[in-house]
PDB file of N, CA and C in Angstrom:
ATOM      1  N   MET A   1      59.023 -14.621-125.581  1.00  0.00           N
ATOM      2  CA  MET A   1      59.087 -16.055-125.374  1.00  0.00           C
ATOM      3  C   MET A   1      58.149 -16.757-126.365  1.00  0.00           C
ATOM      4  N   LYS A   2      58.629 -17.835-126.949  1.00  0.00           N
ATOM      5  CA  LYS A   2      57.824 -18.609-127.892  1.00  0.00           C
ATOM      6  C   LYS A   2      56.718 -19.345-127.139  1.00  0.00           C
ATOM      7  N   PRO A   3      55.527 -19.428-127.737  1.00  0.00           N
ATOM      8  CA  PRO A   3      54.476 -20.252-127.123  1.00  0.00           C
ATOM      9  C   PRO A   3      54.903 -21.720-127.115  1.00  0.00           C
ATOM     10  N   LEU A   4      54.412 -22.454-126.140  1.00  0.00           N
ATOM     11  CA  LEU A   4      54.674 -23.882-126.028  1.00  0.00           C
ATOM     12  C   LEU A   4      53.556 -24.623-126.762  1.00  0.00           C
ATOM     13  N   PHE A   5      53.938 -25.482-127.709  1.00  0.00           N
ATOM     14  CA  PHE A   5      52.993 -26.267-128.505  1.00  0.00           C
ATOM     15  C   PHE A   5      53.115 -27.713-128.056  1.00  0.00           C
ATOM     16  N   ILE A   6      52.090 -28.202-127.386  1.00  0.00           N
ATOM     17  CA  ILE A   6      52.089 -29.562-126.858  1.00  0.00           C
ATOM     18  C   ILE A   6      51.230 -30.407-127.794  1.00  0.00           C
ATOM     19  N   HIS A   7      51.809 -31.480-128.300  1.00  0.00           N
ATOM     20  CA  HIS A   7      51.127 -32.248-129.349  1.00  0.00           C
ATOM     21  C   HIS A   7      51.529 -33.712-129.319  1.00  0.00           C
ATOM     22  N   TYR A   8      50.795 -34.497-130.095  1.00  0.00           N
ATOM     23  CA  TYR A   8      51.121 -35.890-130.351  1.00  0.00           C
ATOM     24  C   TYR A   8      51.313 -35.994-131.858  1.00  0.00           C
ATOM     25  N   PRO A   9      52.532 -36.286-132.327  1.00  0.00           N
ATOM     26  CA  PRO A   9      52.837 -36.233-133.766  1.00  0.00           C
ATOM     27  C   PRO A   9      51.945 -37.087-134.673  1.00  0.00           C
ATOM     28  N   LYS A  10      51.370 -38.163-134.151  1.00  0.00           N
ATOM     29  CA  LYS A  10      50.528 -39.018-134.989  1.00  0.00           C
ATOM     30  C   LYS A  10      49.079 -38.532-135.045  1.00  0.00           C
ATOM     31  N   CYS A  11      48.763 -37.505-134.278  1.00  0.00           N
ATOM     32  CA  CYS A  11      47.405 -36.959-134.225  1.00  0.00           C
ATOM     33  C   CYS A  11      47.168 -36.060-135.439  1.00  0.00           C
ATOM     34  N   GLY A  12      46.120 -36.347-136.203  1.00  0.00           N
ATOM     35  CA  GLY A  12      45.816 -35.566-137.398  1.00  0.00           C
ATOM     36  C   GLY A  12      45.527 -34.107-137.092  1.00  0.00           C
ATOM     37  N   THR A  13      44.809 -33.849-136.025  1.00  0.00           N
ATOM     38  CA  THR A  13      44.500 -32.471-135.640  1.00  0.00           C
ATOM     39  C   THR A  13      45.775 -31.731-135.248  1.00  0.00           C
ATOM     40  N   CYS A  14      46.662 -32.409-134.562  1.00  0.00           N
ATOM     41  CA  CYS A  14      47.938 -31.789-134.171  1.00  0.00           C
ATOM     42  C   CYS A  14      48.771 -31.444-135.405  1.00  0.00           C
ATOM     43  N   ARG A  15      48.786 -32.337-136.386  1.00  0.00           N
ATOM     44  CA  ARG A  15      49.534 -32.071-137.622  1.00  0.00           C
ATOM     45  C   ARG A  15      48.930 -30.882-138.368  1.00  0.00           C
ATOM     46  N   LYS A  16      47.609 -30.820-138.417  1.00  0.00           N
ATOM     47  CA  LYS A  16      46.916 -29.707-139.059  1.00  0.00           C
ATOM     48  C   LYS A  16      47.241 -28.394-138.335  1.00  0.00           C
ATOM     49  N   ALA A  17      47.246 -28.426-137.014  1.00  0.00           N
ATOM     50  CA  ALA A  17      47.549 -27.240-136.211  1.00  0.00           C
ATOM     51  C   ALA A  17      48.989 -26.790-136.437  1.00  0.00           C
ATOM     52  N   TYR A  18      49.913 -27.746-136.490  1.00  0.00           N
ATOM     53  CA  TYR A  18      51.319 -27.398-136.695  1.00  0.00           C
ATOM     54  C   TYR A  18      51.525 -26.785-138.085  1.00  0.00           C
ATOM     55  N   LYS A  19      50.828 -27.333-139.060  1.00  0.00           N
ATOM     56  CA  LYS A  19      50.911 -26.781-140.416  1.00  0.00           C
ATOM     57  C   LYS A  19      50.398 -25.341-140.417  1.00  0.00           C
ATOM     58  N   TRP A  20      49.309 -25.088-139.700  1.00  0.00           N
ATOM     59  CA  TRP A  20      48.751 -23.740-139.600  1.00  0.00           C
ATOM     60  C   TRP A  20      49.768 -22.799-138.961  1.00  0.00           C
ATOM     61  N   LEU A  21      50.436 -23.251-137.907  1.00  0.00           N
ATOM     62  CA  LEU A  21      51.462 -22.434-137.255  1.00  0.00           C
ATOM     63  C   LEU A  21      52.572 -22.080-138.240  1.00  0.00           C
ATOM     64  N   GLU A  22      53.043 -23.083-138.984  1.00  0.00           N
ATOM     65  CA  GLU A  22      54.101 -22.856-139.965  1.00  0.00           C
ATOM     66  C   GLU A  22      53.661 -21.882-141.048  1.00  0.00           C
ATOM     67  N   GLU A  23      52.445 -22.082-141.572  1.00  0.00           N
ATOM     68  CA  GLU A  23      51.930 -21.215-142.638  1.00  0.00           C
ATOM     69  C   GLU A  23      51.786 -19.768-142.183  1.00  0.00           C
ATOM     70  N   ASN A  24      51.589 -19.570-140.899  1.00  0.00           N
ATOM     71  CA  ASN A  24      51.424 -18.226-140.355  1.00  0.00           C
ATOM     72  C   ASN A  24      52.707 -17.682-139.722  1.00  0.00           C
ATOM     73  N   GLY A  25      53.806 -18.396-139.912  1.00  0.00           N
ATOM     74  CA  GLY A  25      55.103 -17.928-139.445  1.00  0.00           C
ATOM     75  C   GLY A  25      55.222 -17.816-137.936  1.00  0.00           C
ATOM     76  N   ILE A  26      54.513 -18.662-137.219  1.00  0.00           N
ATOM     77  CA  ILE A  26      54.536 -18.623-135.754  1.00  0.00           C
ATOM     78  C   ILE A  26      55.512 -19.673-135.250  1.00  0.00           C
ATOM     79  N   GLU A  27      56.569 -19.206-134.595  1.00  0.00           N
ATOM     80  CA  GLU A  27      57.551 -20.116-134.019  1.00  0.00           C
ATOM     81  C   GLU A  27      57.075 -20.554-132.646  1.00  0.00           C
ATOM     82  N   VAL A  28      57.202 -21.837-132.389  1.00  0.00           N
ATOM     83  CA  VAL A  28      56.784 -22.395-131.109  1.00  0.00           C
ATOM     84  C   VAL A  28      57.868 -23.317-130.569  1.00  0.00           C
ATOM     85  N   GLU A  29      57.805 -23.537-129.284  1.00  0.00           N
ATOM     86  CA  GLU A  29      58.616 -24.579-128.659  1.00  0.00           C
ATOM     87  C   GLU A  29      57.735 -25.820-128.665  1.00  0.00           C
ATOM     88  N   SER A  30      58.205 -26.879-129.291  1.00  0.00           N
ATOM     89  CA  SER A  30      57.399 -28.073-129.481  1.00  0.00           C
ATOM     90  C   SER A  30      57.670 -29.097-128.383  1.00  0.00           C
ATOM     91  N   ARG A  31      56.603 -29.756-127.918  1.00  0.00           N
ATOM     92  CA  ARG A  31      56.736 -30.763-126.856  1.00  0.00           C
ATOM     93  C   ARG A  31      55.812 -31.940-127.147  1.00  0.00           C
ATOM     94  N   HIS A  32      56.390 -33.119-127.198  1.00  0.00           N
ATOM     95  CA  HIS A  32      55.674 -34.372-127.454  1.00  0.00           C
ATOM     96  C   HIS A  32      54.940 -34.768-126.168  1.00  0.00           C
ATOM     97  N   ILE A  33      53.628 -34.844-126.217  1.00  0.00           N
ATOM     98  CA  ILE A  33      52.821 -35.034-125.011  1.00  0.00           C
ATOM     99  C   ILE A  33      52.994 -36.409-124.359  1.00  0.00           C
ATOM    100  N   VAL A  34      53.381 -37.409-125.114  1.00  0.00           N
ATOM    101  CA  VAL A  34      53.574 -38.733-124.527  1.00  0.00           C
ATOM    102  C   VAL A  34      54.979 -38.861-123.935  1.00  0.00           C
ATOM    103  N   GLU A  35      55.970 -38.381-124.660  1.00  0.00           N
ATOM    104  CA  GLU A  35      57.345 -38.460-124.176  1.00  0.00           C
ATOM    105  C   GLU A  35      57.595 -37.512-123.002  1.00  0.00           C
ATOM    106  N   ASN A  36      56.846 -36.411-122.946  1.00  0.00           N
ATOM    107  CA  ASN A  36      57.026 -35.413-121.894  1.00  0.00           C
ATOM    108  C   ASN A  36      55.648 -34.929-121.451  1.00  0.00           C
ATOM    109  N   ASN A  37      54.936 -35.823-120.762  1.00  0.00           N
ATOM    110  CA  ASN A  37      53.577 -35.528-120.330  1.00  0.00           C
ATOM    111  C   ASN A  37      53.560 -34.382-119.319  1.00  0.00           C
ATOM    112  N   PRO A  38      52.602 -33.487-119.431  1.00  0.00           N
ATOM    113  CA  PRO A  38      52.493 -32.415-118.437  1.00  0.00           C
ATOM    114  C   PRO A  38      52.282 -32.988-117.035  1.00  0.00           C
ATOM    115  N   ASN A  39      52.881 -32.341-116.049  1.00  0.00           N
ATOM    116  CA  ASN A  39      52.690 -32.780-114.665  1.00  0.00           C
ATOM    117  C   ASN A  39      51.498 -32.047-114.044  1.00  0.00           C
ATOM    118  N   LYS A  40      51.144 -32.438-112.831  1.00  0.00           N
ATOM    119  CA  LYS A  40      49.963 -31.869-112.166  1.00  0.00           C
ATOM    120  C   LYS A  40      50.050 -30.355-112.022  1.00  0.00           C
ATOM    121  N   GLU A  41      51.228 -29.860-111.664  1.00  0.00           N
ATOM    122  CA  GLU A  41      51.394 -28.425-111.446  1.00  0.00           C
ATOM    123  C   GLU A  41      51.185 -27.649-112.752  1.00  0.00           C
ATOM    124  N   GLU A  42      51.791 -28.154-113.824  1.00  0.00           N
ATOM    125  CA  GLU A  42      51.612 -27.500-115.127  1.00  0.00           C
ATOM    126  C   GLU A  42      50.138 -27.502-115.531  1.00  0.00           C
ATOM    127  N   LEU A  43      49.522 -28.654-115.431  1.00  0.00           N
ATOM    128  CA  LEU A  43      48.120 -28.783-115.826  1.00  0.00           C
ATOM    129  C   LEU A  43      47.224 -27.851-115.016  1.00  0.00           C
ATOM    130  N   SER A  44      47.461 -27.801-113.715  1.00  0.00           N
ATOM    131  CA  SER A  44      46.655 -26.933-112.856  1.00  0.00           C
ATOM    132  C   SER A  44      46.795 -25.468-113.271  1.00  0.00           C
ATOM    133  N   GLU A  45      48.033 -25.064-113.540  1.00  0.00           N
ATOM    134  CA  GLU A  45      48.294 -23.687-113.975  1.00  0.00           C
ATOM    135  C   GLU A  45      47.611 -23.406-115.317  1.00  0.00           C
ATOM    136  N   TRP A  46      47.724 -24.340-116.259  1.00  0.00           N
ATOM    137  CA  TRP A  46      47.142 -24.149-117.587  1.00  0.00           C
ATOM    138  C   TRP A  46      45.615 -24.099-117.532  1.00  0.00           C
ATOM    139  N   ILE A  47      45.028 -24.949-116.711  1.00  0.00           N
ATOM    140  CA  ILE A  47      43.569 -24.966-116.580  1.00  0.00           C
ATOM    141  C   ILE A  47      43.097 -23.615-116.044  1.00  0.00           C
ATOM    142  N   ASP A  48      43.771 -23.132-115.005  1.00  0.00           N
ATOM    143  CA  ASP A  48      43.398 -21.827-114.438  1.00  0.00           C
ATOM    144  C   ASP A  48      43.576 -20.712-115.466  1.00  0.00           C
ATOM    145  N   LYS A  49      44.689 -20.740-116.183  1.00  0.00           N
ATOM    146  CA  LYS A  49      44.986 -19.693-117.169  1.00  0.00           C
ATOM    147  C   LYS A  49      44.017 -19.733-118.350  1.00  0.00           C
ATOM    148  N   SER A  50      43.540 -20.924-118.693  1.00  0.00           N
ATOM    149  CA  SER A  50      42.644 -21.069-119.849  1.00  0.00           C
ATOM    150  C   SER A  50      41.238 -20.538-119.563  1.00  0.00           C
ATOM    151  N   GLY A  51      40.835 -20.577-118.306  1.00  0.00           N
ATOM    152  CA  GLY A  51      39.469 -20.202-117.961  1.00  0.00           C
ATOM    153  C   GLY A  51      38.454 -21.280-118.308  1.00  0.00           C
ATOM    154  N   LEU A  52      38.933 -22.437-118.721  1.00  0.00           N
ATOM    155  CA  LEU A  52      38.055 -23.546-119.115  1.00  0.00           C
ATOM    156  C   LEU A  52      37.868 -24.514-117.950  1.00  0.00           C
ATOM    157  N   PRO A  53      36.770 -25.257-117.949  1.00  0.00           N
ATOM    158  CA  PRO A  53      36.617 -26.302-116.928  1.00  0.00           C
ATOM    159  C   PRO A  53      37.632 -27.423-117.179  1.00  0.00           C
ATOM    160  N   ILE A  54      38.010 -28.109-116.130  1.00  0.00           N
ATOM    161  CA  ILE A  54      39.010 -29.180-116.244  1.00  0.00           C
ATOM    162  C   ILE A  54      38.559 -30.256-117.233  1.00  0.00           C
ATOM    163  N   SER A  55      37.260 -30.450-117.364  1.00  0.00           N
ATOM    164  CA  SER A  55      36.745 -31.478-118.291  1.00  0.00           C
ATOM    165  C   SER A  55      37.181 -31.238-119.727  1.00  0.00           C
ATOM    166  N   ARG A  56      37.430 -29.984-120.095  1.00  0.00           N
ATOM    167  CA  ARG A  56      37.850 -29.661-121.470  1.00  0.00           C
ATOM    168  C   ARG A  56      39.276 -30.121-121.766  1.00  0.00           C
ATOM    169  N   PHE A  57      40.018 -30.513-120.750  1.00  0.00           N
ATOM    170  CA  PHE A  57      41.389 -30.963-120.934  1.00  0.00           C
ATOM    171  C   PHE A  57      41.485 -32.473-121.155  1.00  0.00           C
ATOM    172  N   PHE A  58      40.351 -33.154-121.151  1.00  0.00           N
ATOM    173  CA  PHE A  58      40.346 -34.600-121.380  1.00  0.00           C
ATOM    174  C   PHE A  58      40.113 -34.911-122.848  1.00  0.00           C
ATOM    175  N   ASN A  59      40.876 -35.880-123.363  1.00  0.00           N
ATOM    176  CA  ASN A  59      40.726 -36.364-124.731  1.00  0.00           C
ATOM    177  C   ASN A  59      39.566 -37.356-124.737  1.00  0.00           C
ATOM    178  N   THR A  60      38.371 -36.821-124.921  1.00  0.00           N
ATOM    179  CA  THR A  60      37.159 -37.646-124.814  1.00  0.00           C
ATOM    180  C   THR A  60      37.004 -38.654-125.941  1.00  0.00           C
ATOM    181  N   SER A  61      37.760 -38.493-127.007  1.00  0.00           N
ATOM    182  CA  SER A  61      37.664 -39.462-128.107  1.00  0.00           C
ATOM    183  C   SER A  61      38.746 -40.530-128.024  1.00  0.00           C
ATOM    184  N   GLY A  62      39.557 -40.479-126.983  1.00  0.00           N
ATOM    185  CA  GLY A  62      40.661 -41.428-126.845  1.00  0.00           C
ATOM    186  C   GLY A  62      40.228 -42.777-126.295  1.00  0.00           C
ATOM    187  N   ILE A  63      41.003 -43.797-126.620  1.00  0.00           N
ATOM    188  CA  ILE A  63      40.721 -45.163-126.177  1.00  0.00           C
ATOM    189  C   ILE A  63      40.774 -45.262-124.657  1.00  0.00           C
ATOM    190  N   ILE A  64      41.784 -44.650-124.041  1.00  0.00           N
ATOM    191  CA  ILE A  64      41.950 -44.727-122.588  1.00  0.00           C
ATOM    192  C   ILE A  64      40.740 -44.111-121.888  1.00  0.00           C
ATOM    193  N   TYR A  65      40.252 -42.999-122.409  1.00  0.00           N
ATOM    194  CA  TYR A  65      39.087 -42.326-121.840  1.00  0.00           C
ATOM    195  C   TYR A  65      37.882 -43.263-121.833  1.00  0.00           C
ATOM    196  N   ARG A  66      37.673 -43.914-122.956  1.00  0.00           N
ATOM    197  CA  ARG A  66      36.522 -44.822-123.073  1.00  0.00           C
ATOM    198  C   ARG A  66      36.718 -46.099-122.255  1.00  0.00           C
ATOM    199  N   GLU A  67      37.896 -46.709-122.347  1.00  0.00           N
ATOM    200  CA  GLU A  67      38.148 -47.972-121.652  1.00  0.00           C
ATOM    201  C   GLU A  67      38.055 -47.832-120.137  1.00  0.00           C
ATOM    202  N   ASN A  68      38.448 -46.676-119.623  1.00  0.00           N
ATOM    203  CA  ASN A  68      38.443 -46.461-118.177  1.00  0.00           C
ATOM    204  C   ASN A  68      37.204 -45.721-117.685  1.00  0.00           C
ATOM    205  N   ASN A  69      36.234 -45.584-118.582  1.00  0.00           N
ATOM    206  CA  ASN A  69      34.976 -44.920-118.242  1.00  0.00           C
ATOM    207  C   ASN A  69      35.221 -43.591-117.523  1.00  0.00           C
ATOM    208  N   LEU A  70      36.108 -42.797-118.095  1.00  0.00           N
ATOM    209  CA  LEU A  70      36.490 -41.542-117.450  1.00  0.00           C
ATOM    210  C   LEU A  70      35.372 -40.507-117.465  1.00  0.00           C
ATOM    211  N   LYS A  71      34.397 -40.678-118.326  1.00  0.00           N
ATOM    212  CA  LYS A  71      33.270 -39.735-118.345  1.00  0.00           C
ATOM    213  C   LYS A  71      32.622 -39.667-116.965  1.00  0.00           C
ATOM    214  N   GLU A  72      32.440 -40.827-116.349  1.00  0.00           N
ATOM    215  CA  GLU A  72      31.857 -40.891-114.998  1.00  0.00           C
ATOM    216  C   GLU A  72      32.749 -40.160-113.996  1.00  0.00           C
ATOM    217  N   LYS A  73      34.051 -40.435-114.067  1.00  0.00           N
ATOM    218  CA  LYS A  73      34.991 -39.840-113.115  1.00  0.00           C
ATOM    219  C   LYS A  73      35.082 -38.329-113.281  1.00  0.00           C
ATOM    220  N   VAL A  74      35.083 -37.859-114.521  1.00  0.00           N
ATOM    221  CA  VAL A  74      35.197 -36.418-114.777  1.00  0.00           C
ATOM    222  C   VAL A  74      34.036 -35.675-114.134  1.00  0.00           C
ATOM    223  N   ASN A  75      32.883 -36.312-114.070  1.00  0.00           N
ATOM    224  CA  ASN A  75      31.708 -35.671-113.495  1.00  0.00           C
ATOM    225  C   ASN A  75      31.645 -35.752-111.975  1.00  0.00           C
ATOM    226  N   SER A  76      32.440 -36.647-111.375  1.00  0.00           N
ATOM    227  CA  SER A  76      32.299 -36.841-109.931  1.00  0.00           C
ATOM    228  C   SER A  76      33.597 -36.685-109.124  1.00  0.00           C
ATOM    229  N   ALA A  77      34.737 -36.821-109.751  1.00  0.00           N
ATOM    230  CA  ALA A  77      36.008 -36.797-109.015  1.00  0.00           C
ATOM    231  C   ALA A  77      36.418 -35.375-108.629  1.00  0.00           C
ATOM    232  N   SER A  78      37.287 -35.279-107.647  1.00  0.00           N
ATOM    233  CA  SER A  78      37.796 -33.977-107.216  1.00  0.00           C
ATOM    234  C   SER A  78      38.795 -33.449-108.250  1.00  0.00           C
ATOM    235  N   ARG A  79      39.064 -32.161-108.175  1.00  0.00           N
ATOM    236  CA  ARG A  79      40.048 -31.547-109.075  1.00  0.00           C
ATOM    237  C   ARG A  79      41.390 -32.258-108.957  1.00  0.00           C
ATOM    238  N   ASN A  80      41.808 -32.553-107.739  1.00  0.00           N
ATOM    239  CA  ASN A  80      43.094 -33.205-107.534  1.00  0.00           C
ATOM    240  C   ASN A  80      43.128 -34.592-108.184  1.00  0.00           C
ATOM    241  N   GLU A  81      42.041 -35.344-108.042  1.00  0.00           N
ATOM    242  CA  GLU A  81      41.970 -36.669-108.674  1.00  0.00           C
ATOM    243  C   GLU A  81      42.035 -36.547-110.193  1.00  0.00           C
ATOM    244  N   LEU A  82      41.336 -35.565-110.731  1.00  0.00           N
ATOM    245  CA  LEU A  82      41.344 -35.368-112.186  1.00  0.00           C
ATOM    246  C   LEU A  82      42.726 -34.942-112.675  1.00  0.00           C
ATOM    247  N   LEU A  83      43.404 -34.104-111.910  1.00  0.00           N
ATOM    248  CA  LEU A  83      44.774 -33.716-112.274  1.00  0.00           C
ATOM    249  C   LEU A  83      45.693 -34.932-112.264  1.00  0.00           C
ATOM    250  N   GLU A  84      45.520 -35.824-111.294  1.00  0.00           N
ATOM    251  CA  GLU A  84      46.308 -37.063-111.231  1.00  0.00           C
ATOM    252  C   GLU A  84      46.096 -37.897-112.493  1.00  0.00           C
ATOM    253  N   ILE A  85      44.845 -38.017-112.914  1.00  0.00           N
ATOM    254  CA  ILE A  85      44.528 -38.805-114.112  1.00  0.00           C
ATOM    255  C   ILE A  85      45.182 -38.167-115.343  1.00  0.00           C
ATOM    256  N   LEU A  86      45.029 -36.860-115.494  1.00  0.00           N
ATOM    257  CA  LEU A  86      45.610 -36.169-116.649  1.00  0.00           C
ATOM    258  C   LEU A  86      47.130 -36.294-116.667  1.00  0.00           C
ATOM    259  N   ALA A  87      47.752 -36.196-115.510  1.00  0.00           N
ATOM    260  CA  ALA A  87      49.213 -36.249-115.428  1.00  0.00           C
ATOM    261  C   ALA A  87      49.756 -37.665-115.585  1.00  0.00           C
ATOM    262  N   SER A  88      48.881 -38.662-115.516  1.00  0.00           N
ATOM    263  CA  SER A  88      49.337 -40.050-115.564  1.00  0.00           C
ATOM    264  C   SER A  88      49.671 -40.537-116.974  1.00  0.00           C
ATOM    265  N   ASN A  89      49.068 -39.912-118.003  1.00  0.00           N
ATOM    266  CA  ASN A  89      49.266 -40.406-119.362  1.00  0.00           C
ATOM    267  C   ASN A  89      48.894 -39.304-120.362  1.00  0.00           C
ATOM    268  N   GLY A  90      49.837 -38.938-121.201  1.00  0.00           N
ATOM    269  CA  GLY A  90      49.603 -37.891-122.187  1.00  0.00           C
ATOM    270  C   GLY A  90      48.464 -38.173-123.143  1.00  0.00           C
ATOM    271  N   MET A  91      48.142 -39.444-123.338  1.00  0.00           N
ATOM    272  CA  MET A  91      47.068 -39.791-124.264  1.00  0.00           C
ATOM    273  C   MET A  91      45.684 -39.461-123.693  1.00  0.00           C
ATOM    274  N   VAL A  92      45.619 -39.165-122.413  1.00  0.00           N
ATOM    275  CA  VAL A  92      44.348 -38.793-121.787  1.00  0.00           C
ATOM    276  C   VAL A  92      44.061 -37.305-122.000  1.00  0.00           C
ATOM    277  N   VAL A  93      45.108 -36.537-122.296  1.00  0.00           N
ATOM    278  CA  VAL A  93      45.001 -35.085-122.401  1.00  0.00           C
ATOM    279  C   VAL A  93      44.587 -34.658-123.812  1.00  0.00           C
ATOM    280  N   LYS A  94      43.624 -33.748-123.879  1.00  0.00           N
ATOM    281  CA  LYS A  94      43.195 -33.174-125.171  1.00  0.00           C
ATOM    282  C   LYS A  94      44.367 -32.424-125.786  1.00  0.00           C
ATOM    283  N   ARG A  95      44.500 -32.518-127.067  1.00  0.00           N
ATOM    284  CA  ARG A  95      45.609 -31.867-127.758  1.00  0.00           C
ATOM    285  C   ARG A  95      45.152 -31.383-129.119  1.00  0.00           C
ATOM    286  N   PRO A  96      45.870 -30.498-129.716  1.00  0.00           N
ATOM    287  CA  PRO A  96      47.064 -29.823-129.211  1.00  0.00           C
ATOM    288  C   PRO A  96      46.708 -28.770-128.158  1.00  0.00           C
ATOM    289  N   ILE A  97      47.726 -28.378-127.421  1.00  0.00           N
ATOM    290  CA  ILE A  97      47.610 -27.300-126.447  1.00  0.00           C
ATOM    291  C   ILE A  97      48.673 -26.274-126.797  1.00  0.00           C
ATOM    292  N   VAL A  98      48.298 -25.009-126.764  1.00  0.00           N
ATOM    293  CA  VAL A  98      49.272 -23.929-126.924  1.00  0.00           C
ATOM    294  C   VAL A  98      49.242 -23.106-125.641  1.00  0.00           C
ATOM    295  N   VAL A  99      50.426 -22.950-125.050  1.00  0.00           N
ATOM    296  CA  VAL A  99      50.545 -22.173-123.821  1.00  0.00           C
ATOM    297  C   VAL A  99      51.338 -20.914-124.124  1.00  0.00           C
ATOM    298  N   GLY A 100      50.680 -19.780-123.976  1.00  0.00           N
ATOM    299  CA  GLY A 100      51.325 -18.484-124.142  1.00  0.00           C
ATOM    300  C   GLY A 100      51.530 -17.830-122.786  1.00  0.00           C
ATOM    301  N   ASP A 101      52.049 -16.615-122.791  1.00  0.00           N
ATOM    302  CA  ASP A 101      52.275 -15.907-121.538  1.00  0.00           C
ATOM    303  C   ASP A 101      50.987 -15.684-120.755  1.00  0.00           C
ATOM    304  N   ASP A 102      49.917 -15.360-121.453  1.00  0.00           N
ATOM    305  CA  ASP A 102      48.674 -15.023-120.763  1.00  0.00           C
ATOM    306  C   ASP A 102      47.455 -15.763-121.309  1.00  0.00           C
ATOM    307  N   PHE A 103      47.677 -16.891-121.959  1.00  0.00           N
ATOM    308  CA  PHE A 103      46.560 -17.677-122.498  1.00  0.00           C
ATOM    309  C   PHE A 103      46.955 -19.136-122.665  1.00  0.00           C
ATOM    310  N   VAL A 104      45.928 -19.986-122.738  1.00  0.00           N
ATOM    311  CA  VAL A 104      46.103 -21.406-123.048  1.00  0.00           C
ATOM    312  C   VAL A 104      44.986 -21.782-124.010  1.00  0.00           C
ATOM    313  N   LEU A 105      45.367 -22.395-125.129  1.00  0.00           N
ATOM    314  CA  LEU A 105      44.405 -22.870-126.120  1.00  0.00           C
ATOM    315  C   LEU A 105      44.394 -24.393-126.097  1.00  0.00           C
ATOM    316  N   VAL A 106      43.210 -24.983-126.061  1.00  0.00           N
ATOM    317  CA  VAL A 106      43.074 -26.436-125.999  1.00  0.00           C
ATOM    318  C   VAL A 106      42.295 -26.893-127.226  1.00  0.00           C
ATOM    319  N   GLY A 107      42.898 -27.806-127.982  1.00  0.00           N
ATOM    320  CA  GLY A 107      42.289 -28.234-129.233  1.00  0.00           C
ATOM    321  C   GLY A 107      42.582 -27.193-130.304  1.00  0.00           C
ATOM    322  N   PHE A 108      42.373 -27.563-131.555  1.00  0.00           N
ATOM    323  CA  PHE A 108      42.664 -26.635-132.648  1.00  0.00           C
ATOM    324  C   PHE A 108      41.381 -26.003-133.144  1.00  0.00           C
ATOM    325  N   ASN A 109      41.283 -24.690-132.920  1.00  0.00           N
ATOM    326  CA  ASN A 109      40.178 -23.885-133.422  1.00  0.00           C
ATOM    327  C   ASN A 109      40.828 -22.694-134.111  1.00  0.00           C
ATOM    328  N   GLU A 110      40.791 -22.698-135.439  1.00  0.00           N
ATOM    329  CA  GLU A 110      41.523 -21.698-136.216  1.00  0.00           C
ATOM    330  C   GLU A 110      41.152 -20.268-135.824  1.00  0.00           C
ATOM    331  N   LYS A 111      39.891 -20.021-135.564  1.00  0.00           N
ATOM    332  CA  LYS A 111      39.448 -18.668-135.185  1.00  0.00           C
ATOM    333  C   LYS A 111      40.086 -18.249-133.857  1.00  0.00           C
ATOM    334  N   GLN A 112      40.014 -19.117-132.864  1.00  0.00           N
ATOM    335  CA  GLN A 112      40.617 -18.815-131.563  1.00  0.00           C
ATOM    336  C   GLN A 112      42.124 -18.643-131.673  1.00  0.00           C
ATOM    337  N   TRP A 113      42.745 -19.519-132.431  1.00  0.00           N
ATOM    338  CA  TRP A 113      44.191 -19.442-132.583  1.00  0.00           C
ATOM    339  C   TRP A 113      44.589 -18.149-133.274  1.00  0.00           C
ATOM    340  N   SER A 114      43.833 -17.738-134.295  1.00  0.00           N
ATOM    341  CA  SER A 114      44.110 -16.493-134.998  1.00  0.00           C
ATOM    342  C   SER A 114      44.032 -15.306-134.045  1.00  0.00           C
ATOM    343  N   GLU A 115      42.997 -15.296-133.193  1.00  0.00           N
ATOM    344  CA  GLU A 115      42.814 -14.191-132.246  1.00  0.00           C
ATOM    345  C   GLU A 115      43.973 -14.083-131.264  1.00  0.00           C
ATOM    346  N   LYS A 116      44.510 -15.205-130.827  1.00  0.00           N
ATOM    347  CA  LYS A 116      45.562 -15.184-129.803  1.00  0.00           C
ATOM    348  C   LYS A 116      46.979 -15.152-130.352  1.00  0.00           C
ATOM    349  N   LEU A 117      47.179 -15.717-131.549  1.00  0.00           N
ATOM    350  CA  LEU A 117      48.541 -15.906-132.039  1.00  0.00           C
ATOM    351  C   LEU A 117      48.932 -14.972-133.182  1.00  0.00           C
ATOM    352  N   LEU A 118      47.966 -14.381-133.862  1.00  0.00           N
ATOM    353  CA  LEU A 118      48.317 -13.513-135.002  1.00  0.00           C
ATOM    354  C   LEU A 118      48.250 -12.035-134.615  1.00  0.00           C
TER     355      LEU A 118
END
């Protein structure tokens, strides 16, 4: 099964990550994060599979994050509340995300991606 590549096409990091995938001959199923935002169930599964804290799934440099003072909420809200926020708008979610059979990568880190995808 091809890994799922969740991205926002106008995001520079996402474009860089996609170029890296192409250069390394890695075929992925591509998904536009705004047009097809992950739902709560998907996000919950990916967070558990990634082994990362839920806070790592927030796009901390995004306008919505700053305008809604989500830093405060991320530190105090319940997991369910945070999943609701993430599922409400793809622009709140850190990207790109790669979902494999037994791993989830959040953000583009060439070393991590090489270890899991090559």
